[in-house]
PDB file of N, CA and C in Angstrom:
ATOM      1  N   UNK A   1      57.898  95.526  81.653  1.00  0.00           N
ATOM      2  CA  UNK A   1      58.876  95.902  82.639  1.00  0.00           C
ATOM      3  C   UNK A   1      59.138  97.417  82.591  1.00  0.00           C
ATOM      4  N   UNK A   2      58.932  98.043  83.718  1.00  0.00           N
ATOM      5  CA  UNK A   2      59.115  99.487  83.786  1.00  0.00           C
ATOM      6  C   UNK A   2      60.297  99.825  84.686  1.00  0.00           C
ATOM      7  N   UNK A   3      61.224 100.663  84.243  1.00  0.00           N
ATOM      8  CA  UNK A   3      62.405 100.976  84.981  1.00  0.00           C
ATOM      9  C   UNK A   3      62.073 101.651  86.305  1.00  0.00           C
ATOM     10  N   UNK A   4      61.014 102.448  86.348  1.00  0.00           N
ATOM     11  CA  UNK A   4      60.662 103.093  87.607  1.00  0.00           C
ATOM     12  C   UNK A   4      60.159 102.175  88.653  1.00  0.00           C
ATOM     13  N   UNK A   5      59.609 100.992  88.241  1.00  0.00           N
ATOM     14  CA  UNK A   5      59.059 100.026  89.170  1.00  0.00           C
ATOM     15  C   UNK A   5      60.190  99.203  89.883  1.00  0.00           C
ATOM     16  N   UNK A   6      61.353  99.233  89.311  1.00  0.00           N
ATOM     17  CA  UNK A   6      62.459  98.444  89.873  1.00  0.00           C
ATOM     18  C   UNK A   6      63.260  99.311  90.804  1.00  0.00           C
ATOM     19  N   UNK A   7      63.100  99.135  92.116  1.00  0.00           N
ATOM     20  CA  UNK A   7      63.813  99.883  93.111  1.00  0.00           C
ATOM     21  C   UNK A   7      65.206  99.424  93.357  1.00  0.00           C
ATOM     22  N   UNK A   8      65.600  98.311  92.785  1.00  0.00           N
ATOM     23  CA  UNK A   8      66.923  97.725  93.070  1.00  0.00           C
ATOM     24  C   UNK A   8      67.968  98.590  92.359  1.00  0.00           C
ATOM     25  N   UNK A   9      68.959  99.007  93.164  1.00  0.00           N
ATOM     26  CA  UNK A   9      70.129  99.729  92.653  1.00  0.00           C
ATOM     27  C   UNK A   9      71.343  99.155  93.375  1.00  0.00           C
ATOM     28  N   UNK A  10      72.243  98.440  92.677  1.00  0.00           N
ATOM     29  CA  UNK A  10      73.368  97.796  93.331  1.00  0.00           C
ATOM     30  C   UNK A  10      74.285  98.729  94.064  1.00  0.00           C
ATOM     31  N   UNK A  11      74.160 100.065  93.799  1.00  0.00           N
ATOM     32  CA  UNK A  11      75.012 101.014  94.575  1.00  0.00           C
ATOM     33  C   UNK A  11      74.433 101.371  95.926  1.00  0.00           C
ATOM     34  N   UNK A  12      73.157 101.046  96.190  1.00  0.00           N
ATOM     35  CA  UNK A  12      72.565 101.372  97.476  1.00  0.00           C
ATOM     36  C   UNK A  12      73.186 100.540  98.597  1.00  0.00           C
ATOM     37  N   UNK A  13      73.470 101.136  99.699  1.00  0.00           N
ATOM     38  CA  UNK A  13      74.112 100.445 100.821  1.00  0.00           C
ATOM     39  C   UNK A  13      73.366  99.224 101.268  1.00  0.00           C
ATOM     40  N   UNK A  14      72.070  99.259 101.231  1.00  0.00           N
ATOM     41  CA  UNK A  14      71.328  98.076 101.679  1.00  0.00           C
ATOM     42  C   UNK A  14      71.496  96.857 100.825  1.00  0.00           C
ATOM     43  N   UNK A  15      72.001  97.034  99.580  1.00  0.00           N
ATOM     44  CA  UNK A  15      72.219  95.927  98.679  1.00  0.00           C
ATOM     45  C   UNK A  15      73.736  95.488  98.612  1.00  0.00           C
ATOM     46  N   UNK A  16      74.586  96.203  99.300  1.00  0.00           N
ATOM     47  CA  UNK A  16      76.005  95.950  99.289  1.00  0.00           C
ATOM     48  C   UNK A  16      76.407  94.984 100.416  1.00  0.00           C
ATOM     49  N   UNK A  17      77.058  93.899 100.070  1.00  0.00           N
ATOM     50  CA  UNK A  17      77.508  92.960 101.073  1.00  0.00           C
ATOM     51  C   UNK A  17      79.043  93.050 101.145  1.00  0.00           C
ATOM     52  N   UNK A  18      79.556  93.317 102.273  1.00  0.00           N
ATOM     53  CA  UNK A  18      80.958  93.436 102.455  1.00  0.00           C
ATOM     54  C   UNK A  18      81.652  92.030 102.294  1.00  0.00           C
ATOM     55  N   UNK A  19      82.819  92.044 101.678  1.00  0.00           N
ATOM     56  CA  UNK A  19      83.604  90.819 101.545  1.00  0.00           C
ATOM     57  C   UNK A  19      84.105  90.402 102.964  1.00  0.00           C
ATOM     58  N   UNK A  20      84.152  89.084 103.139  1.00  0.00           N
ATOM     59  CA  UNK A  20      84.691  88.564 104.374  1.00  0.00           C
ATOM     60  C   UNK A  20      86.207  88.610 104.304  1.00  0.00           C
ATOM     61  N   UNK A  21      86.930  88.583 105.430  1.00  0.00           N
ATOM     62  CA  UNK A  21      88.366  88.590 105.426  1.00  0.00           C
ATOM     63  C   UNK A  21      88.909  87.364 104.554  1.00  0.00           C
ATOM     64  N   UNK A  22      88.235  86.267 104.630  1.00  0.00           N
ATOM     65  CA  UNK A  22      88.707  85.139 103.814  1.00  0.00           C
ATOM     66  C   UNK A  22      88.560  85.460 102.339  1.00  0.00           C
ATOM     67  N   UNK A  23      87.466  86.090 101.939  1.00  0.00           N
ATOM     68  CA  UNK A  23      87.271  86.404 100.519  1.00  0.00           C
ATOM     69  C   UNK A  23      88.294  87.386 100.023  1.00  0.00           C
ATOM     70  N   UNK A  24      88.621  88.349 100.914  1.00  0.00           N
ATOM     71  CA  UNK A  24      89.617  89.374 100.580  1.00  0.00           C
ATOM     72  C   UNK A  24      90.984  88.712 100.395  1.00  0.00           C
ATOM     73  N   UNK A  25      91.349  87.811 101.347  1.00  0.00           N
ATOM     74  CA  UNK A  25      92.671  87.114 101.238  1.00  0.00           C
ATOM     75  C   UNK A  25      92.694  86.216  99.987  1.00  0.00           C
ATOM     76  N   UNK A  26      91.577  85.558  99.706  1.00  0.00           N
ATOM     77  CA  UNK A  26      91.544  84.721  98.492  1.00  0.00           C
ATOM     78  C   UNK A  26      91.732  85.523  97.213  1.00  0.00           C
ATOM     79  N   UNK A  27      91.033  86.673  97.175  1.00  0.00           N
ATOM     80  CA  UNK A  27      91.198  87.558  95.967  1.00  0.00           C
ATOM     81  C   UNK A  27      92.629  88.094  95.890  1.00  0.00           C
ATOM     82  N   UNK A  28      93.211  88.467  97.034  1.00  0.00           N
ATOM     83  CA  UNK A  28      94.578  88.935  97.035  1.00  0.00           C
ATOM     84  C   UNK A  28      95.547  87.857  96.532  1.00  0.00           C
ATOM     85  N   UNK A  29      95.331  86.643  96.989  1.00  0.00           N
ATOM     86  CA  UNK A  29      96.206  85.508  96.633  1.00  0.00           C
ATOM     87  C   UNK A  29      96.065  85.267  95.171  1.00  0.00           C
ATOM     88  N   UNK A  30      94.827  85.288  94.614  1.00  0.00           N
ATOM     89  CA  UNK A  30      94.600  85.074  93.199  1.00  0.00           C
ATOM     90  C   UNK A  30      95.266  86.129  92.353  1.00  0.00           C
ATOM     91  N   UNK A  31      95.196  87.346  92.788  1.00  0.00           N
ATOM     92  CA  UNK A  31      95.888  88.431  92.101  1.00  0.00           C
ATOM     93  C   UNK A  31      97.391  88.283  92.062  1.00  0.00           C
ATOM     94  N   UNK A  32      97.932  87.904  93.188  1.00  0.00           N
ATOM     95  CA  UNK A  32      99.371  87.634  93.290  1.00  0.00           C
ATOM     96  C   UNK A  32      99.789  86.512  92.301  1.00  0.00           C
ATOM     97  N   UNK A  33      98.966  85.434  92.341  1.00  0.00           N
ATOM     98  CA  UNK A  33      99.268  84.291  91.456  1.00  0.00           C
ATOM     99  C   UNK A  33      99.181  84.670  89.985  1.00  0.00           C
ATOM    100  N   UNK A  34      98.275  85.523  89.639  1.00  0.00           N
ATOM    101  CA  UNK A  34      98.126  85.985  88.258  1.00  0.00           C
ATOM    102  C   UNK A  34      99.352  86.842  87.871  1.00  0.00           C
ATOM    103  N   UNK A  35      99.766  87.702  88.824  1.00  0.00           N
ATOM    104  CA  UNK A  35     100.941  88.500  88.502  1.00  0.00           C
ATOM    105  C   UNK A  35     102.209  87.689  88.427  1.00  0.00           C
ATOM    106  N   UNK A  36     102.351  86.652  89.280  1.00  0.00           N
ATOM    107  CA  UNK A  36     103.477  85.738  89.226  1.00  0.00           C
ATOM    108  C   UNK A  36     103.460  85.015  87.816  1.00  0.00           C
ATOM    109  N   UNK A  37     102.330  84.510  87.428  1.00  0.00           N
ATOM    110  CA  UNK A  37     102.223  83.823  86.098  1.00  0.00           C
ATOM    111  C   UNK A  37     102.662  84.741  84.976  1.00  0.00           C
ATOM    112  N   UNK A  38     102.190  85.968  85.019  1.00  0.00           N
ATOM    113  CA  UNK A  38     102.531  86.962  83.998  1.00  0.00           C
ATOM    114  C   UNK A  38     104.001  87.243  83.919  1.00  0.00           C
ATOM    115  N   UNK A  39     104.639  87.392  85.110  1.00  0.00           N
ATOM    116  CA  UNK A  39     106.079  87.613  85.136  1.00  0.00           C
ATOM    117  C   UNK A  39     106.832  86.398  84.679  1.00  0.00           C
ATOM    118  N   UNK A  40     106.397  85.210  85.085  1.00  0.00           N
ATOM    119  CA  UNK A  40     107.069  83.976  84.618  1.00  0.00           C
ATOM    120  C   UNK A  40     106.981  83.856  83.117  1.00  0.00           C
ATOM    121  N   UNK A  41     105.827  84.216  82.588  1.00  0.00           N
ATOM    122  CA  UNK A  41     105.641  84.146  81.116  1.00  0.00           C
ATOM    123  C   UNK A  41     106.565  85.166  80.421  1.00  0.00           C
ATOM    124  N   UNK A  42     106.628  86.368  80.937  1.00  0.00           N
ATOM    125  CA  UNK A  42     107.495  87.407  80.395  1.00  0.00           C
ATOM    126  C   UNK A  42     108.980  86.939  80.367  1.00  0.00           C
ATOM    127  N   UNK A  43     109.339  86.361  81.539  1.00  0.00           N
ATOM    128  CA  UNK A  43     110.783  85.905  81.667  1.00  0.00           C
ATOM    129  C   UNK A  43     111.041  84.788  80.704  1.00  0.00           C
ATOM    130  N   UNK A  44     110.098  83.850  80.551  1.00  0.00           N
ATOM    131  CA  UNK A  44     110.302  82.748  79.607  1.00  0.00           C
ATOM    132  C   UNK A  44     110.401  83.239  78.192  1.00  0.00           C
ATOM    133  N   UNK A  45     109.594  84.245  77.816  1.00  0.00           N
ATOM    134  CA  UNK A  45     109.643  84.758  76.458  1.00  0.00           C
ATOM    135  C   UNK A  45     110.913  85.570  76.166  1.00  0.00           C
ATOM    136  N   UNK A  46     111.428  86.193  77.200  1.00  0.00           N
ATOM    137  CA  UNK A  46     112.633  87.018  76.995  1.00  0.00           C
ATOM    138  C   UNK A  46     113.907  86.231  77.206  1.00  0.00           C
ATOM    139  N   UNK A  47     113.807  84.933  77.431  1.00  0.00           N
ATOM    140  CA  UNK A  47     114.958  84.095  77.732  1.00  0.00           C
ATOM    141  C   UNK A  47     115.988  84.151  76.589  1.00  0.00           C
ATOM    142  N   UNK A  48     115.556  84.270  75.400  1.00  0.00           N
ATOM    143  CA  UNK A  48     116.467  84.197  74.256  1.00  0.00           C
ATOM    144  C   UNK A  48     116.923  85.550  73.756  1.00  0.00           C
ATOM    145  N   UNK A  49     116.636  86.625  74.523  1.00  0.00           N
ATOM    146  CA  UNK A  49     117.048  87.967  74.138  1.00  0.00           C
ATOM    147  C   UNK A  49     118.527  88.198  74.342  1.00  0.00           C
ATOM    148  N   UNK A  50     119.248  87.326  74.980  1.00  0.00           N
ATOM    149  CA  UNK A  50     120.600  87.478  75.261  1.00  0.00           C
ATOM    150  C   UNK A  50     120.776  88.547  76.319  1.00  0.00           C
ATOM    151  N   UNK A  51     121.785  89.377  76.204  1.00  0.00           N
ATOM    152  CA  UNK A  51     122.056  90.419  77.182  1.00  0.00           C
ATOM    153  C   UNK A  51     121.315  91.759  76.893  1.00  0.00           C
ATOM    154  N   UNK A  52     120.509  91.718  75.817  1.00  0.00           N
ATOM    155  CA  UNK A  52     119.855  92.970  75.390  1.00  0.00           C
ATOM    156  C   UNK A  52     119.022  93.587  76.480  1.00  0.00           C
ATOM    157  N   UNK A  53     118.302  92.881  77.229  1.00  0.00           N
ATOM    158  CA  UNK A  53     117.392  93.408  78.253  1.00  0.00           C
ATOM    159  C   UNK A  53     117.679  92.789  79.617  1.00  0.00           C
ATOM    160  N   UNK A  54     118.898  92.532  79.923  1.00  0.00           N
ATOM    161  CA  UNK A  54     119.307  91.873  81.169  1.00  0.00           C
ATOM    162  C   UNK A  54     118.777  92.642  82.386  1.00  0.00           C
ATOM    163  N   UNK A  55     118.892  93.992  82.375  1.00  0.00           N
ATOM    164  CA  UNK A  55     118.440  94.737  83.534  1.00  0.00           C
ATOM    165  C   UNK A  55     116.959  94.596  83.802  1.00  0.00           C
ATOM    166  N   UNK A  56     116.176  94.477  82.724  1.00  0.00           N
ATOM    167  CA  UNK A  56     114.724  94.320  82.861  1.00  0.00           C
ATOM    168  C   UNK A  56     114.469  92.912  83.428  1.00  0.00           C
ATOM    169  N   UNK A  57     115.179  91.898  82.894  1.00  0.00           N
ATOM    170  CA  UNK A  57     114.987  90.539  83.390  1.00  0.00           C
ATOM    171  C   UNK A  57     115.368  90.397  84.881  1.00  0.00           C
ATOM    172  N   UNK A  58     116.436  91.092  85.261  1.00  0.00           N
ATOM    173  CA  UNK A  58     116.870  91.018  86.698  1.00  0.00           C
ATOM    174  C   UNK A  58     115.751  91.664  87.570  1.00  0.00           C
ATOM    175  N   UNK A  59     115.199  92.768  87.088  1.00  0.00           N
ATOM    176  CA  UNK A  59     114.147  93.480  87.770  1.00  0.00           C
ATOM    177  C   UNK A  59     112.909  92.572  87.896  1.00  0.00           C
ATOM    178  N   UNK A  60     112.502  91.925  86.782  1.00  0.00           N
ATOM    179  CA  UNK A  60     111.351  90.990  86.823  1.00  0.00           C
ATOM    180  C   UNK A  60     111.606  89.829  87.783  1.00  0.00           C
ATOM    181  N   UNK A  61     112.824  89.282  87.792  1.00  0.00           N
ATOM    182  CA  UNK A  61     113.125  88.188  88.719  1.00  0.00           C
ATOM    183  C   UNK A  61     113.009  88.676  90.144  1.00  0.00           C
ATOM    184  N   UNK A  62     113.506  89.832  90.447  1.00  0.00           N
ATOM    185  CA  UNK A  62     113.402  90.389  91.792  1.00  0.00           C
ATOM    186  C   UNK A  62     111.968  90.557  92.217  1.00  0.00           C
ATOM    187  N   UNK A  63     111.177  91.161  91.381  1.00  0.00           N
ATOM    188  CA  UNK A  63     109.740  91.345  91.674  1.00  0.00           C
ATOM    189  C   UNK A  63     109.015  90.009  91.796  1.00  0.00           C
ATOM    190  N   UNK A  64     109.393  89.075  90.922  1.00  0.00           N
ATOM    191  CA  UNK A  64     108.800  87.730  90.973  1.00  0.00           C
ATOM    192  C   UNK A  64     109.049  87.060  92.342  1.00  0.00           C
ATOM    193  N   UNK A  65     110.265  87.165  92.817  1.00  0.00           N
ATOM    194  CA  UNK A  65     110.667  86.601  94.094  1.00  0.00           C
ATOM    195  C   UNK A  65     109.849  87.302  95.246  1.00  0.00           C
ATOM    196  N   UNK A  66     109.702  88.586  95.134  1.00  0.00           N
ATOM    197  CA  UNK A  66     108.946  89.316  96.159  1.00  0.00           C
ATOM    198  C   UNK A  66     107.508  88.863  96.172  1.00  0.00           C
ATOM    199  N   UNK A  67     106.889  88.699  94.998  1.00  0.00           N
ATOM    200  CA  UNK A  67     105.513  88.256  94.964  1.00  0.00           C
ATOM    201  C   UNK A  67     105.361  86.834  95.495  1.00  0.00           C
ATOM    202  N   UNK A  68     106.291  85.986  95.118  1.00  0.00           N
ATOM    203  CA  UNK A  68     106.258  84.591  95.628  1.00  0.00           C
ATOM    204  C   UNK A  68     106.391  84.550  97.146  1.00  0.00           C
ATOM    205  N   UNK A  69     107.207  85.408  97.675  1.00  0.00           N
ATOM    206  CA  UNK A  69     107.346  85.423  99.151  1.00  0.00           C
ATOM    207  C   UNK A  69     106.069  85.945  99.833  1.00  0.00           C
ATOM    208  N   UNK A  70     105.305  86.744  99.123  1.00  0.00           N
ATOM    209  CA  UNK A  70     104.040  87.234  99.676  1.00  0.00           C
ATOM    210  C   UNK A  70     102.984  86.130  99.650  1.00  0.00           C
ATOM    211  N   UNK A  71     103.008  85.262  98.665  1.00  0.00           N
ATOM    212  CA  UNK A  71     102.100  84.129  98.560  1.00  0.00           C
ATOM    213  C   UNK A  71     102.486  83.073  99.575  1.00  0.00           C
ATOM    214  N   UNK A  72     103.747  82.845  99.697  1.00  0.00           N
ATOM    215  CA  UNK A  72     104.314  81.860 100.641  1.00  0.00           C
ATOM    216  C   UNK A  72     105.200  82.579 101.678  1.00  0.00           C
ATOM    217  N   UNK A  73     104.632  83.134 102.791  1.00  0.00           N
ATOM    218  CA  UNK A  73     105.420  83.933 103.687  1.00  0.00           C
ATOM    219  C   UNK A  73     106.607  83.171 104.288  1.00  0.00           C
ATOM    220  N   UNK A  74     106.570  81.852 104.343  1.00  0.00           N
ATOM    221  CA  UNK A  74     107.756  81.072 104.835  1.00  0.00           C
ATOM    222  C   UNK A  74     109.001  81.262 104.008  1.00  0.00           C
ATOM    223  N   UNK A  75     108.837  81.756 102.754  1.00  0.00           N
ATOM    224  CA  UNK A  75     109.977  82.009 101.907  1.00  0.00           C
ATOM    225  C   UNK A  75     110.620  83.344 102.106  1.00  0.00           C
ATOM    226  N   UNK A  76     110.091  84.139 103.022  1.00  0.00           N
ATOM    227  CA  UNK A  76     110.554  85.502 103.210  1.00  0.00           C
ATOM    228  C   UNK A  76     112.020  85.573 103.514  1.00  0.00           C
ATOM    229  N   UNK A  77     112.571  84.571 104.240  1.00  0.00           N
ATOM    230  CA  UNK A  77     113.998  84.607 104.557  1.00  0.00           C
ATOM    231  C   UNK A  77     114.850  84.397 103.321  1.00  0.00           C
ATOM    232  N   UNK A  78     114.290  83.892 102.253  1.00  0.00           N
ATOM    233  CA  UNK A  78     115.054  83.698 100.996  1.00  0.00           C
ATOM    234  C   UNK A  78     114.956  84.916 100.097  1.00  0.00           C
ATOM    235  N   UNK A  79     114.230  85.942 100.531  1.00  0.00           N
ATOM    236  CA  UNK A  79     113.989  87.083  99.654  1.00  0.00           C
ATOM    237  C   UNK A  79     115.282  87.783  99.241  1.00  0.00           C
ATOM    238  N   UNK A  80     115.347  88.120  97.967  1.00  0.00           N
ATOM    239  CA  UNK A  80     116.514  88.815  97.474  1.00  0.00           C
ATOM    240  C   UNK A  80     116.498  90.283  98.007  1.00  0.00           C
ATOM    241  N   UNK A  81     117.664  90.902  98.123  1.00  0.00           N
ATOM    242  CA  UNK A  81     117.651  92.302  98.561  1.00  0.00           C
ATOM    243  C   UNK A  81     116.998  93.158  97.508  1.00  0.00           C
ATOM    244  N   UNK A  82     116.250  94.184  98.041  1.00  0.00           N
ATOM    245  CA  UNK A  82     115.618  95.124  97.117  1.00  0.00           C
ATOM    246  C   UNK A  82     116.626  96.095  96.567  1.00  0.00           C
ATOM    247  N   UNK A  83     116.502  96.330  95.271  1.00  0.00           N
ATOM    248  CA  UNK A  83     117.407  97.263  94.631  1.00  0.00           C
ATOM    249  C   UNK A  83     116.533  98.279  93.881  1.00  0.00           C
ATOM    250  N   UNK A  84     117.021  99.491  93.780  1.00  0.00           N
ATOM    251  CA  UNK A  84     116.310 100.501  93.002  1.00  0.00           C
ATOM    252  C   UNK A  84     116.416 100.170  91.540  1.00  0.00           C
ATOM    253  N   UNK A  85     115.312 100.406  90.807  1.00  0.00           N
ATOM    254  CA  UNK A  85     115.340 100.145  89.381  1.00  0.00           C
ATOM    255  C   UNK A  85     116.277 101.107  88.666  1.00  0.00           C
ATOM    256  N   UNK A  86     116.844 100.672  87.622  1.00  0.00           N
ATOM    257  CA  UNK A  86     117.758 101.491  86.807  1.00  0.00           C
ATOM    258  C   UNK A  86     116.967 102.697  86.226  1.00  0.00           C
ATOM    259  N   UNK A  87     117.645 103.616  85.690  1.00  0.00           N
ATOM    260  CA  UNK A  87     117.028 104.822  85.141  1.00  0.00           C
ATOM    261  C   UNK A  87     116.018 104.477  84.077  1.00  0.00           C
ATOM    262  N   UNK A  88     116.377 103.533  83.173  1.00  0.00           N
ATOM    263  CA  UNK A  88     115.484 103.104  82.092  1.00  0.00           C
ATOM    264  C   UNK A  88     114.197 102.445  82.660  1.00  0.00           C
ATOM    265  N   UNK A  89     114.360 101.573  83.679  1.00  0.00           N
ATOM    266  CA  UNK A  89     113.187 100.919  84.251  1.00  0.00           C
ATOM    267  C   UNK A  89     112.363 101.941  85.005  1.00  0.00           C
ATOM    268  N   UNK A  90     113.006 102.882  85.729  1.00  0.00           N
ATOM    269  CA  UNK A  90     112.295 103.851  86.499  1.00  0.00           C
ATOM    270  C   UNK A  90     111.416 104.686  85.599  1.00  0.00           C
ATOM    271  N   UNK A  91     111.943 105.057  84.444  1.00  0.00           N
ATOM    272  CA  UNK A  91     111.085 105.925  83.522  1.00  0.00           C
ATOM    273  C   UNK A  91     110.025 105.096  82.924  1.00  0.00           C
ATOM    274  N   UNK A  92     110.235 103.774  82.698  1.00  0.00           N
ATOM    275  CA  UNK A  92     109.188 102.898  82.135  1.00  0.00           C
ATOM    276  C   UNK A  92     108.051 102.678  83.177  1.00  0.00           C
ATOM    277  N   UNK A  93     108.421 102.657  84.465  1.00  0.00           N
ATOM    278  CA  UNK A  93     107.531 102.402  85.536  1.00  0.00           C
ATOM    279  C   UNK A  93     106.801 103.660  86.070  1.00  0.00           C
ATOM    280  N   UNK A  94     107.275 104.814  85.642  1.00  0.00           N
ATOM    281  CA  UNK A  94     106.738 106.094  86.105  1.00  0.00           C
ATOM    282  C   UNK A  94     105.209 106.118  85.887  1.00  0.00           C
ATOM    283  N   UNK A  95     104.515 106.529  86.907  1.00  0.00           N
ATOM    284  CA  UNK A  95     103.010 106.676  86.735  1.00  0.00           C
ATOM    285  C   UNK A  95     102.269 105.425  87.204  1.00  0.00           C
ATOM    286  N   UNK A  96     102.976 104.263  87.366  1.00  0.00           N
ATOM    287  CA  UNK A  96     102.333 103.048  87.748  1.00  0.00           C
ATOM    288  C   UNK A  96     102.311 103.023  89.268  1.00  0.00           C
ATOM    289  N   UNK A  97     101.223 102.426  89.858  1.00  0.00           N
ATOM    290  CA  UNK A  97     101.101 102.383  91.294  1.00  0.00           C
ATOM    291  C   UNK A  97     101.327 100.973  91.774  1.00  0.00           C
ATOM    292  N   UNK A  98     102.272 100.813  92.685  1.00  0.00           N
ATOM    293  CA  UNK A  98     102.569  99.466  93.231  1.00  0.00           C
ATOM    294  C   UNK A  98     102.374  99.473  94.731  1.00  0.00           C
ATOM    295  N   UNK A  99     101.508 100.353  95.239  1.00  0.00           N
ATOM    296  CA  UNK A  99     101.296 100.441  96.689  1.00  0.00           C
ATOM    297  C   UNK A  99     100.495  99.258  97.181  1.00  0.00           C
ATOM    298  N   UNK A 100     100.549  99.006  98.480  1.00  0.00           N
ATOM    299  CA  UNK A 100      99.754  97.887  99.104  1.00  0.00           C
ATOM    300  C   UNK A 100      98.260  98.205  99.050  1.00  0.00           C
ATOM    301  N   UNK A 101      97.874  99.495  98.918  1.00  0.00           N
ATOM    302  CA  UNK A 101      96.511  99.825  98.818  1.00  0.00           C
ATOM    303  C   UNK A 101      95.857  99.254  97.607  1.00  0.00           C
ATOM    304  N   UNK A 102      96.628  99.097  96.529  1.00  0.00           N
ATOM    305  CA  UNK A 102      96.104  98.562  95.266  1.00  0.00           C
ATOM    306  C   UNK A 102      95.857  97.087  95.370  1.00  0.00           C
ATOM    307  N   UNK A 103      96.567  96.399  96.265  1.00  0.00           N
ATOM    308  CA  UNK A 103      96.402  94.964  96.353  1.00  0.00           C
ATOM    309  C   UNK A 103      95.338  94.588  97.350  1.00  0.00           C
ATOM    310  N   UNK A 104      95.226  95.243  98.465  1.00  0.00           N
ATOM    311  CA  UNK A 104      94.236  94.779  99.414  1.00  0.00           C
ATOM    312  C   UNK A 104      94.056  95.810 100.420  1.00  0.00           C
TER     313      UNK A 104
END
């Protein structure tokens, strides 16, 4: 096997197949479900922290509800009001990207 004989390069446009809208939506839904599971897990683990990290738990619950409403748009009317993160959360989140571009 000689590397020069192999013309296949997965970066070449002729070998790239665009995802269908259904595949994009499925991937987006899977990502949201993974994020929901991770937040639910974090909330379950922090349940016994008492009031030590209440602001973080409130923030997680708010984000969890937003993600759930994206997976089930019918729940949008139940969505909690958006609040700005507290100073401590804001500094912890600094540098992270939560734009829609990252999701789909």
